[in-house]
Every structure is written in structure tokens, then in C-alpha cells.
């Protein structure tokens, strides 16, 4: 007689689970770098982290995770785990996006859509975002003008960051009117030496950040070229410089990009990034 299958269990993971969570995230360090970076900095206590992380367990062993903050991010989840996470998320949406590996994000979103209209009222679906990586200096000569951003350029860099976010995401980075949180976030990136750019006469012409850093991976985000400098060949050499600077922080550098952004895709390929997977993002 075959023994009955043991159902999985979802619960909020805590600091007592940190070793198991860290080991699971390390199995796919490029896919998990955002969540791994946040947990490395703040641990698993929801108050410190700012949100809970759900763990899906089978027979007491951690098999999958879901970061349940303003970004809902599944990791390592099969169909059963995704269904369990959807049940945990419930009818009312509290996040502003769902993101991560497309093989998990798209079925999770579809499952959530069956549970309530909150989940169906999307602003944009970015179903295919190539996940790319490079682990050696670019063959493109690096632009020596690209340097870590210093405190004196904070205001100009903040303005460029706001322009980048608004253009990329389609909404303001401070929808409730106060720029305090986002300004603090940009300031912290600069303090850590994770922001790079070309500044000319007090104006940022190019910018990029290490947004997440964990398990030997530096994830680049916030890449932006001033509109009047686009199409002039600045981006490839500037990105080559960013790769060189990021490799000082980690042995691998990654990013993901919208598949419809063909100019950016061509730039990253020219710089030497290769596709290793695919992300998806659901924006509300």
C-alpha cells in the first residue's frame, strides 16, 4: 500500500531558519540576489526586514521561499508551493509588484488572479526580462569618466535617479508626496560606494547602481543615460566601466532588462553580458 503524500506547509520563516534560508538562496545566487542581499543585511525578523518571508516546507525541510513585501518574490517554488503562496497572499493585494524568475512569477500571478480582482487590476505585465551575467572584464574599453559617486554630487544623482525610476517604472518613486525615503535610499547607495556615474558640470549624464550584493553576485540596476546624450555611443563604454567597478565588489555581475528594450539589450550583449535565465515583473 502506498503511503499518502505529506502535504506541504507555509509559515513565516524567522531567524532560527536563517541557515536553511541562506543555503536555499545560495543554490541559485543570481536569481536570488535581491532577497539574499536584504536578508544578509537585516535578518529574517519581519520588523527589521520590513516584511515577512514565507517558507514552504515539506516534511520539515525548507523547499521554497516568497518575499512578501512591496515586492512579492517567489524563489524555488514548484506548482504546489506557488499554490500555497497564493493561498497565503489571499484575496487582497498588498504588494506593488510581483517579480522574479518568470517560470514562477507568471503561474503565481495567474493563480492569484483567480482569487480576487485586486490581483487582476495590473498596470503592466513584463513577461520576458532576460537575466544576464558577466564574470570578467568587458572587451569594450571602459570609459574613465565613470567613477563612484561622491557626496558632493548627491543632489544631482538623486535627480537622475528620480528621472530613471519614473521613466523605467512609469510612476514616481515617492507616490505619497514625500521624497524622504527614496532620498535616503539613494544616499545609502552612495555611502556604500555602490553608485557610479558620469558627472559633468554638476549634471549626471550616466548612472548605474549595485542594487543588491550577495553570494558573490553584484546586481546592477538603475542604468540611465541623460536623454540628450542617448545614441552617441556613451552607454557601452560606460557600462564596461560599471562592470569593472562592480567586479571589485563581487566575482559576478548581473542585471535584467525588458525584452522590448532592444537598444539596452544590444548594449549589454556588446559589453559581454550573456543571458542565463528570464525574469518577469507584474506592475500594479
C-alpha atoms as a PDB file:
ATOM      1  CA  UNK A   1       0.000   0.000   0.000  1.00  0.00           C
ATOM      2  CA  UNK A   2       1.387   3.396  -0.974  1.00  0.00           C
ATOM      3  CA  UNK A   3       1.788   5.883   1.873  1.00  0.00           C
ATOM      4  CA  UNK A   4      -0.270   9.075   1.471  1.00  0.00           C
ATOM      5  CA  UNK A   5       1.593  12.169   0.267  1.00  0.00           C
ATOM      6  CA  UNK A   6       2.625  14.551   3.012  1.00  0.00           C
ATOM      7  CA  UNK A   7       1.192  17.998   2.396  1.00  0.00           C
ATOM      8  CA  UNK A   8       3.475  20.986   2.406  1.00  0.00           C
ATOM      9  CA  UNK A   9       3.265  23.745   4.998  1.00  0.00           C
ATOM     10  CA  UNK A  10       3.660  27.520   4.630  1.00  0.00           C
ATOM     11  CA  UNK A  11       4.818  29.636   7.544  1.00  0.00           C
ATOM     12  CA  UNK A  12       6.753  32.830   8.142  1.00  0.00           C
ATOM     13  CA  UNK A  13      10.433  31.992   8.494  1.00  0.00           C
ATOM     14  CA  UNK A  14      12.398  33.543  11.353  1.00  0.00           C
ATOM     15  CA  UNK A  15      15.999  33.954  12.431  1.00  0.00           C
ATOM     16  CA  UNK A  16      16.016  30.345  13.672  1.00  0.00           C
ATOM     17  CA  UNK A  17      15.575  29.341   9.999  1.00  0.00           C
ATOM     18  CA  UNK A  18      18.403  31.572   8.776  1.00  0.00           C
ATOM     19  CA  UNK A  19      20.867  28.775   7.956  1.00  0.00           C
ATOM     20  CA  UNK A  20      18.285  26.873   5.903  1.00  0.00           C
ATOM     21  CA  UNK A  21      17.097  30.031   4.139  1.00  0.00           C
ATOM     22  CA  UNK A  22      20.651  31.124   3.342  1.00  0.00           C
ATOM     23  CA  UNK A  23      21.553  27.679   1.987  1.00  0.00           C
ATOM     24  CA  UNK A  24      18.450  27.578  -0.235  1.00  0.00           C
ATOM     25  CA  UNK A  25      19.084  31.059  -1.667  1.00  0.00           C
ATOM     26  CA  UNK A  26      22.719  30.127  -2.381  1.00  0.00           C
ATOM     27  CA  UNK A  27      21.611  27.330  -4.740  1.00  0.00           C
ATOM     28  CA  UNK A  28      20.772  29.981  -7.378  1.00  0.00           C
ATOM     29  CA  UNK A  29      22.736  33.075  -6.378  1.00  0.00           C
ATOM     30  CA  UNK A  30      21.955  35.182  -9.456  1.00  0.00           C
ATOM     31  CA  UNK A  31      18.198  34.602  -9.262  1.00  0.00           C
ATOM     32  CA  UNK A  32      18.056  35.162  -5.509  1.00  0.00           C
ATOM     33  CA  UNK A  33      20.457  38.096  -5.066  1.00  0.00           C
ATOM     34  CA  UNK A  34      17.806  40.700  -4.191  1.00  0.00           C
ATOM     35  CA  UNK A  35      16.241  38.637  -1.411  1.00  0.00           C
ATOM     36  CA  UNK A  36      19.594  37.252  -0.236  1.00  0.00           C
ATOM     37  CA  UNK A  37      21.063  40.753  -0.034  1.00  0.00           C
ATOM     38  CA  UNK A  38      18.190  42.042   2.089  1.00  0.00           C
ATOM     39  CA  UNK A  39      18.274  39.056   4.428  1.00  0.00           C
ATOM     40  CA  UNK A  40      22.054  39.339   4.819  1.00  0.00           C
ATOM     41  CA  UNK A  41      21.571  42.965   5.885  1.00  0.00           C
ATOM     42  CA  UNK A  42      18.507  42.675   8.114  1.00  0.00           C
ATOM     43  CA  UNK A  43      17.939  39.029   9.010  1.00  0.00           C
ATOM     44  CA  UNK A  44      14.502  37.415   8.930  1.00  0.00           C
ATOM     45  CA  UNK A  45      12.665  39.265  11.652  1.00  0.00           C
ATOM     46  CA  UNK A  46       9.757  40.936   9.800  1.00  0.00           C
ATOM     47  CA  UNK A  47      10.132  44.158  11.796  1.00  0.00           C
ATOM     48  CA  UNK A  48      13.807  44.582  10.849  1.00  0.00           C
ATOM     49  CA  UNK A  49      13.345  43.319   7.297  1.00  0.00           C
ATOM     50  CA  UNK A  50      10.200  45.360   6.749  1.00  0.00           C
ATOM     51  CA  UNK A  51       8.100  42.386   5.660  1.00  0.00           C
ATOM     52  CA  UNK A  52       7.682  38.660   6.268  1.00  0.00           C
ATOM     53  CA  UNK A  53       9.312  35.950   4.189  1.00  0.00           C
ATOM     54  CA  UNK A  54       7.173  32.863   3.726  1.00  0.00           C
ATOM     55  CA  UNK A  55       8.782  29.459   3.691  1.00  0.00           C
ATOM     56  CA  UNK A  56       7.240  26.383   2.126  1.00  0.00           C
ATOM     57  CA  UNK A  57       8.219  23.176   3.934  1.00  0.00           C
ATOM     58  CA  UNK A  58       7.761  19.540   3.074  1.00  0.00           C
ATOM     59  CA  UNK A  59       8.357  17.009   5.857  1.00  0.00           C
ATOM     60  CA  UNK A  60      10.021  19.767   7.831  1.00  0.00           C
ATOM     61  CA  UNK A  61      12.510  20.681   5.088  1.00  0.00           C
ATOM     62  CA  UNK A  62      12.525  24.147   3.544  1.00  0.00           C
ATOM     63  CA  UNK A  63      11.869  23.861  -0.194  1.00  0.00           C
ATOM     64  CA  UNK A  64      10.791  27.328  -1.380  1.00  0.00           C
ATOM     65  CA  UNK A  65      10.522  30.952  -0.280  1.00  0.00           C
ATOM     66  CA  UNK A  66       8.452  34.020  -1.016  1.00  0.00           C
ATOM     67  CA  UNK A  67       9.486  37.556  -0.055  1.00  0.00           C
ATOM     68  CA  UNK A  68       6.162  39.155   0.873  1.00  0.00           C
ATOM     69  CA  UNK A  69       6.844  42.887   0.957  1.00  0.00           C
ATOM     70  CA  UNK A  70       6.049  45.644  -1.508  1.00  0.00           C
ATOM     71  CA  UNK A  71       7.670  43.244  -3.970  1.00  0.00           C
ATOM     72  CA  UNK A  72       6.195  39.737  -3.920  1.00  0.00           C
ATOM     73  CA  UNK A  73       9.098  37.492  -4.983  1.00  0.00           C
ATOM     74  CA  UNK A  74       8.848  33.695  -5.147  1.00  0.00           C
ATOM     75  CA  UNK A  75      12.002  31.583  -5.171  1.00  0.00           C
ATOM     76  CA  UNK A  76      12.477  27.869  -5.780  1.00  0.00           C
ATOM     77  CA  UNK A  77       8.743  27.233  -5.912  1.00  0.00           C
ATOM     78  CA  UNK A  78       7.073  24.372  -7.773  1.00  0.00           C
ATOM     79  CA  UNK A  79       3.356  24.325  -8.591  1.00  0.00           C
ATOM     80  CA  UNK A  80       2.363  23.123  -5.125  1.00  0.00           C
ATOM     81  CA  UNK A  81       4.432  25.795  -3.404  1.00  0.00           C
ATOM     82  CA  UNK A  82       3.103  28.514  -5.726  1.00  0.00           C
ATOM     83  CA  UNK A  83      -0.474  27.477  -4.951  1.00  0.00           C
ATOM     84  CA  UNK A  84       0.315  27.583  -1.241  1.00  0.00           C
ATOM     85  CA  UNK A  85       1.882  31.040  -1.560  1.00  0.00           C
ATOM     86  CA  UNK A  86      -1.168  32.275  -3.467  1.00  0.00           C
ATOM     87  CA  UNK A  87      -3.387  30.986  -0.681  1.00  0.00           C
ATOM     88  CA  UNK A  88      -1.185  32.750   1.866  1.00  0.00           C
ATOM     89  CA  UNK A  89      -1.348  36.017  -0.102  1.00  0.00           C
ATOM     90  CA  UNK A  90      -5.131  35.917  -0.027  1.00  0.00           C
ATOM     91  CA  UNK A  91      -7.732  37.935  -1.874  1.00  0.00           C
ATOM     92  CA  UNK A  92      -6.481  41.443  -1.116  1.00  0.00           C
ATOM     93  CA  UNK A  93      -3.275  42.607  -2.772  1.00  0.00           C
ATOM     94  CA  UNK A  94      -0.772  44.415  -0.557  1.00  0.00           C
ATOM     95  CA  UNK A  95       2.245  44.460  -2.873  1.00  0.00           C
ATOM     96  CA  UNK A  96       3.002  46.886  -5.697  1.00  0.00           C
ATOM     97  CA  UNK A  97       4.692  44.286  -7.891  1.00  0.00           C
ATOM     98  CA  UNK A  98       5.376  40.591  -8.360  1.00  0.00           C
ATOM     99  CA  UNK A  99       8.850  39.788  -9.619  1.00  0.00           C
ATOM    100  CA  UNK A 100      11.480  37.111 -10.031  1.00  0.00           C
ATOM    101  CA  UNK A 101      12.047  34.108 -12.308  1.00  0.00           C
ATOM    102  CA  UNK A 102       9.349  34.103 -14.986  1.00  0.00           C
ATOM    103  CA  UNK A 103       8.730  30.358 -14.543  1.00  0.00           C
ATOM    104  CA  UNK A 104       7.453  31.152 -11.027  1.00  0.00           C
ATOM    105  CA  UNK A 105       6.077  34.678 -11.403  1.00  0.00           C
ATOM    106  CA  UNK A 106       3.689  34.052 -14.289  1.00  0.00           C
ATOM    107  CA  UNK A 107       1.927  30.981 -12.810  1.00  0.00           C
ATOM    108  CA  UNK A 108       1.829  32.638  -9.364  1.00  0.00           C
ATOM    109  CA  UNK A 109       0.168  35.725 -10.845  1.00  0.00           C
ATOM    110  CA  UNK A 110      -2.303  33.583 -12.805  1.00  0.00           C
ATOM    111  CA  UNK A 111      -3.168  31.692  -9.624  1.00  0.00           C
ATOM    112  CA  UNK A 112      -3.630  34.950  -7.725  1.00  0.00           C
ATOM    113  CA  UNK A 113      -5.892  36.307 -10.464  1.00  0.00           C
ATOM    114  CA  UNK A 114      -8.367  33.520  -9.719  1.00  0.00           C
ATOM    115  CA  UNK A 115      -8.572  34.698  -6.106  1.00  0.00           C
ATOM    116  CA  UNK A 116      -9.607  38.306  -6.487  1.00  0.00           C
ATOM    117  CA  UNK A 117      -9.909  41.274  -8.816  1.00  0.00           C
ATOM    118  CA  UNK A 118      -7.213  43.137  -6.835  1.00  0.00           C
ATOM    119  CA  UNK A 119      -4.687  40.836  -8.483  1.00  0.00           C
ATOM    120  CA  UNK A 120      -6.144  41.254 -11.970  1.00  0.00           C
ATOM    121  CA  UNK A 121      -6.008  45.069 -11.983  1.00  0.00           C
ATOM    122  CA  UNK A 122      -2.451  45.302 -13.321  1.00  0.00           C
ATOM    123  CA  UNK A 123      -0.748  48.390 -14.690  1.00  0.00           C
ATOM    124  CA  UNK A 124       1.736  46.459 -16.834  1.00  0.00           C
ATOM    125  CA  UNK A 125       2.909  42.874 -17.399  1.00  0.00           C
ATOM    126  CA  UNK A 126       6.563  42.466 -18.346  1.00  0.00           C
ATOM    127  CA  UNK A 127       6.545  38.764 -19.059  1.00  0.00           C
ATOM    128  CA  UNK A 128      10.051  38.426 -20.516  1.00  0.00           C
ATOM    129  CA  UNK A 129      13.064  40.114 -18.995  1.00  0.00           C
ATOM    130  CA  UNK A 130      16.361  38.458 -19.949  1.00  0.00           C
ATOM    131  CA  UNK A 131      18.515  37.773 -16.879  1.00  0.00           C
ATOM    132  CA  UNK A 132      22.142  38.407 -17.851  1.00  0.00           C
ATOM    133  CA  UNK A 133      25.564  37.915 -16.262  1.00  0.00           C
ATOM    134  CA  UNK A 134      29.245  38.651 -16.838  1.00  0.00           C
ATOM    135  CA  UNK A 135      32.166  37.411 -14.737  1.00  0.00           C
ATOM    136  CA  UNK A 136      35.148  39.015 -16.447  1.00  0.00           C
ATOM    137  CA  UNK A 137      36.138  42.493 -17.623  1.00  0.00           C
ATOM    138  CA  UNK A 138      34.340  43.680 -20.726  1.00  0.00           C
ATOM    139  CA  UNK A 139      36.120  43.578 -24.111  1.00  0.00           C
ATOM    140  CA  UNK A 140      34.783  47.119 -24.620  1.00  0.00           C
ATOM    141  CA  UNK A 141      37.235  49.805 -23.397  1.00  0.00           C
ATOM    142  CA  UNK A 142      35.954  51.300 -20.161  1.00  0.00           C
ATOM    143  CA  UNK A 143      35.048  54.978 -20.013  1.00  0.00           C
ATOM    144  CA  UNK A 144      37.423  56.566 -17.459  1.00  0.00           C
ATOM    145  CA  UNK A 145      34.832  59.255 -16.711  1.00  0.00           C
ATOM    146  CA  UNK A 146      32.689  56.688 -14.869  1.00  0.00           C
ATOM    147  CA  UNK A 147      33.544  56.931 -11.189  1.00  0.00           C
ATOM    148  CA  UNK A 148      31.922  56.124  -7.840  1.00  0.00           C
ATOM    149  CA  UNK A 149      29.568  58.958  -6.957  1.00  0.00           C
ATOM    150  CA  UNK A 150      30.655  61.160  -4.071  1.00  0.00           C
ATOM    151  CA  UNK A 151      28.593  63.015  -1.501  1.00  0.00           C
ATOM    152  CA  UNK A 152      29.025  66.341  -3.261  1.00  0.00           C
ATOM    153  CA  UNK A 153      27.059  65.039  -6.266  1.00  0.00           C
ATOM    154  CA  UNK A 154      24.224  63.645  -4.144  1.00  0.00           C
ATOM    155  CA  UNK A 155      21.582  66.148  -5.284  1.00  0.00           C
ATOM    156  CA  UNK A 156      22.363  65.743  -8.982  1.00  0.00           C
ATOM    157  CA  UNK A 157      22.465  61.969  -8.635  1.00  0.00           C
ATOM    158  CA  UNK A 158      19.163  61.973  -6.782  1.00  0.00           C
ATOM    159  CA  UNK A 159      17.551  63.955  -9.612  1.00  0.00           C
ATOM    160  CA  UNK A 160      18.912  61.468 -12.162  1.00  0.00           C
ATOM    161  CA  UNK A 161      17.680  58.548 -10.050  1.00  0.00           C
ATOM    162  CA  UNK A 162      14.181  60.014  -9.906  1.00  0.00           C
ATOM    163  CA  UNK A 163      14.199  60.523 -13.683  1.00  0.00           C
ATOM    164  CA  UNK A 164      15.391  56.947 -14.221  1.00  0.00           C
ATOM    165  CA  UNK A 165      12.786  55.424 -11.888  1.00  0.00           C
ATOM    166  CA  UNK A 166       9.907  57.444 -13.327  1.00  0.00           C
ATOM    167  CA  UNK A 167      10.901  56.543 -16.887  1.00  0.00           C
ATOM    168  CA  UNK A 168      11.515  52.864 -16.159  1.00  0.00           C
ATOM    169  CA  UNK A 169       8.640  52.057 -13.796  1.00  0.00           C
ATOM    170  CA  UNK A 170       6.131  54.573 -15.086  1.00  0.00           C
ATOM    171  CA  UNK A 171       5.281  56.139 -11.710  1.00  0.00           C
ATOM    172  CA  UNK A 172       7.010  58.427  -9.224  1.00  0.00           C
ATOM    173  CA  UNK A 173       9.365  56.786  -6.678  1.00  0.00           C
ATOM    174  CA  UNK A 174       7.545  58.762  -3.966  1.00  0.00           C
ATOM    175  CA  UNK A 175       3.838  58.399  -4.803  1.00  0.00           C
ATOM    176  CA  UNK A 176       2.685  59.737  -1.420  1.00  0.00           C
ATOM    177  CA  UNK A 177       4.399  63.074  -1.905  1.00  0.00           C
ATOM    178  CA  UNK A 178       7.450  62.764   0.361  1.00  0.00           C
ATOM    179  CA  UNK A 179      10.853  62.097  -1.202  1.00  0.00           C
ATOM    180  CA  UNK A 180      12.445  61.300   2.179  1.00  0.00           C
ATOM    181  CA  UNK A 181      12.556  57.502   1.851  1.00  0.00           C
ATOM    182  CA  UNK A 182      13.837  57.460  -1.712  1.00  0.00           C
ATOM    183  CA  UNK A 183      16.406  60.167  -0.969  1.00  0.00           C
ATOM    184  CA  UNK A 184      17.639  58.096   1.961  1.00  0.00           C
ATOM    185  CA  UNK A 185      17.885  55.033  -0.274  1.00  0.00           C
ATOM    186  CA  UNK A 186      19.971  56.904  -2.870  1.00  0.00           C
ATOM    187  CA  UNK A 187      22.156  58.383  -0.122  1.00  0.00           C
ATOM    188  CA  UNK A 188      22.834  54.912   1.289  1.00  0.00           C
ATOM    189  CA  UNK A 189      23.862  53.539  -2.128  1.00  0.00           C
ATOM    190  CA  UNK A 190      26.345  56.399  -2.459  1.00  0.00           C
ATOM    191  CA  UNK A 191      27.651  55.867   1.084  1.00  0.00           C
ATOM    192  CA  UNK A 192      28.355  52.198   0.316  1.00  0.00           C
ATOM    193  CA  UNK A 193      30.198  53.063  -2.895  1.00  0.00           C
ATOM    194  CA  UNK A 194      27.526  51.293  -4.942  1.00  0.00           C
ATOM    195  CA  UNK A 195      26.602  54.209  -7.239  1.00  0.00           C
ATOM    196  CA  UNK A 196      28.559  55.041 -10.377  1.00  0.00           C
ATOM    197  CA  UNK A 197      28.211  57.734 -12.965  1.00  0.00           C
ATOM    198  CA  UNK A 198      29.498  60.393 -15.298  1.00  0.00           C
ATOM    199  CA  UNK A 199      29.050  63.880 -13.860  1.00  0.00           C
ATOM    200  CA  UNK A 200      29.765  66.917 -15.995  1.00  0.00           C
ATOM    201  CA  UNK A 201      29.408  70.478 -14.696  1.00  0.00           C
ATOM    202  CA  UNK A 202      27.247  69.243 -11.826  1.00  0.00           C
ATOM    203  CA  UNK A 203      24.931  67.232 -14.096  1.00  0.00           C
ATOM    204  CA  UNK A 204      24.677  63.434 -14.244  1.00  0.00           C
ATOM    205  CA  UNK A 205      24.971  62.157 -17.804  1.00  0.00           C
ATOM    206  CA  UNK A 206      25.076  58.445 -16.976  1.00  0.00           C
ATOM    207  CA  UNK A 207      24.281  56.440 -13.869  1.00  0.00           C
ATOM    208  CA  UNK A 208      24.108  52.865 -12.598  1.00  0.00           C
ATOM    209  CA  UNK A 209      23.968  51.242  -9.170  1.00  0.00           C
ATOM    210  CA  UNK A 210      24.776  47.977  -7.470  1.00  0.00           C
ATOM    211  CA  UNK A 211      21.272  47.462  -6.158  1.00  0.00           C
ATOM    212  CA  UNK A 212      21.885  44.084  -4.493  1.00  0.00           C
ATOM    213  CA  UNK A 213      25.054  42.284  -3.408  1.00  0.00           C
ATOM    214  CA  UNK A 214      25.134  38.733  -2.012  1.00  0.00           C
ATOM    215  CA  UNK A 215      26.631  35.280  -2.577  1.00  0.00           C
ATOM    216  CA  UNK A 216      29.303  36.575  -4.944  1.00  0.00           C
ATOM    217  CA  UNK A 217      26.856  38.426  -7.198  1.00  0.00           C
ATOM    218  CA  UNK A 218      26.516  42.174  -7.744  1.00  0.00           C
ATOM    219  CA  UNK A 219      23.215  43.034  -9.406  1.00  0.00           C
ATOM    220  CA  UNK A 220      23.240  46.231 -11.458  1.00  0.00           C
ATOM    221  CA  UNK A 221      20.105  48.351 -11.571  1.00  0.00           C
ATOM    222  CA  UNK A 222      19.079  51.915 -12.333  1.00  0.00           C
ATOM    223  CA  UNK A 223      21.053  52.212 -15.572  1.00  0.00           C
ATOM    224  CA  UNK A 224      20.224  55.539 -17.190  1.00  0.00           C
ATOM    225  CA  UNK A 225      21.614  57.906 -19.818  1.00  0.00           C
ATOM    226  CA  UNK A 226      20.538  61.536 -19.966  1.00  0.00           C
ATOM    227  CA  UNK A 227      18.066  61.892 -22.873  1.00  0.00           C
ATOM    228  CA  UNK A 228      20.210  64.386 -24.788  1.00  0.00           C
ATOM    229  CA  UNK A 229      23.210  62.015 -24.653  1.00  0.00           C
ATOM    230  CA  UNK A 230      21.460  58.924 -25.963  1.00  0.00           C
ATOM    231  CA  UNK A 231      22.524  57.497 -29.297  1.00  0.00           C
ATOM    232  CA  UNK A 232      26.025  58.951 -29.029  1.00  0.00           C
ATOM    233  CA  UNK A 233      27.861  55.779 -28.018  1.00  0.00           C
ATOM    234  CA  UNK A 234      28.155  56.616 -24.316  1.00  0.00           C
ATOM    235  CA  UNK A 235      26.396  53.542 -22.923  1.00  0.00           C
ATOM    236  CA  UNK A 236      28.715  50.650 -23.988  1.00  0.00           C
ATOM    237  CA  UNK A 237      31.936  52.165 -22.641  1.00  0.00           C
ATOM    238  CA  UNK A 238      30.160  53.461 -19.531  1.00  0.00           C
ATOM    239  CA  UNK A 239      28.677  50.019 -18.820  1.00  0.00           C
ATOM    240  CA  UNK A 240      32.097  48.442 -19.371  1.00  0.00           C
ATOM    241  CA  UNK A 241      33.387  50.753 -16.643  1.00  0.00           C
ATOM    242  CA  UNK A 242      30.497  49.797 -14.355  1.00  0.00           C
ATOM    243  CA  UNK A 243      31.340  46.114 -14.866  1.00  0.00           C
ATOM    244  CA  UNK A 244      34.964  46.768 -13.902  1.00  0.00           C
ATOM    245  CA  UNK A 245      33.912  48.669 -10.778  1.00  0.00           C
ATOM    246  CA  UNK A 246      31.299  46.080  -9.796  1.00  0.00           C
ATOM    247  CA  UNK A 247      33.827  43.250 -10.193  1.00  0.00           C
ATOM    248  CA  UNK A 248      35.745  44.888  -7.348  1.00  0.00           C
ATOM    249  CA  UNK A 249      32.762  44.032  -5.134  1.00  0.00           C
ATOM    250  CA  UNK A 250      31.876  40.542  -6.418  1.00  0.00           C
ATOM    251  CA  UNK A 251      33.167  37.944  -8.905  1.00  0.00           C
ATOM    252  CA  UNK A 252      29.927  38.013 -10.946  1.00  0.00           C
ATOM    253  CA  UNK A 253      27.844  40.915 -12.191  1.00  0.00           C
ATOM    254  CA  UNK A 254      24.213  40.509 -13.231  1.00  0.00           C
ATOM    255  CA  UNK A 255      21.247  42.525 -14.415  1.00  0.00           C
ATOM    256  CA  UNK A 256      17.888  42.003 -16.069  1.00  0.00           C
ATOM    257  CA  UNK A 257      16.323  44.036 -18.832  1.00  0.00           C
ATOM    258  CA  UNK A 258      12.957  44.336 -20.568  1.00  0.00           C
ATOM    259  CA  UNK A 259      12.916  42.325 -23.790  1.00  0.00           C
ATOM    260  CA  UNK A 260      11.343  45.265 -25.644  1.00  0.00           C
ATOM    261  CA  UNK A 261      14.310  47.495 -24.780  1.00  0.00           C
ATOM    262  CA  UNK A 262      16.317  46.385 -27.794  1.00  0.00           C
ATOM    263  CA  UNK A 263      18.868  49.201 -27.519  1.00  0.00           C
ATOM    264  CA  UNK A 264      19.750  48.209 -23.954  1.00  0.00           C
ATOM    265  CA  UNK A 265      19.882  44.521 -24.888  1.00  0.00           C
ATOM    266  CA  UNK A 266      22.315  45.247 -27.705  1.00  0.00           C
ATOM    267  CA  UNK A 267      24.466  47.342 -25.362  1.00  0.00           C
ATOM    268  CA  UNK A 268      24.659  44.641 -22.694  1.00  0.00           C
ATOM    269  CA  UNK A 269      25.454  41.966 -25.252  1.00  0.00           C
ATOM    270  CA  UNK A 270      28.194  44.126 -26.732  1.00  0.00           C
ATOM    271  CA  UNK A 271      29.636  44.719 -23.268  1.00  0.00           C
ATOM    272  CA  UNK A 272      29.825  40.956 -22.759  1.00  0.00           C
ATOM    273  CA  UNK A 273      26.746  40.031 -20.745  1.00  0.00           C
ATOM    274  CA  UNK A 274      25.226  36.661 -21.613  1.00  0.00           C
ATOM    275  CA  UNK A 275      21.666  35.559 -20.908  1.00  0.00           C
ATOM    276  CA  UNK A 276      21.373  32.895 -18.206  1.00  0.00           C
ATOM    277  CA  UNK A 277      17.652  32.995 -17.464  1.00  0.00           C
ATOM    278  CA  UNK A 278      14.493  35.035 -17.631  1.00  0.00           C
ATOM    279  CA  UNK A 279      12.642  37.203 -15.133  1.00  0.00           C
ATOM    280  CA  UNK A 280       9.127  38.619 -15.221  1.00  0.00           C
ATOM    281  CA  UNK A 281       7.553  41.564 -13.428  1.00  0.00           C
ATOM    282  CA  UNK A 282       3.899  42.363 -12.792  1.00  0.00           C
ATOM    283  CA  UNK A 283       3.394  46.049 -12.002  1.00  0.00           C
ATOM    284  CA  UNK A 284       0.375  47.457 -10.137  1.00  0.00           C
END
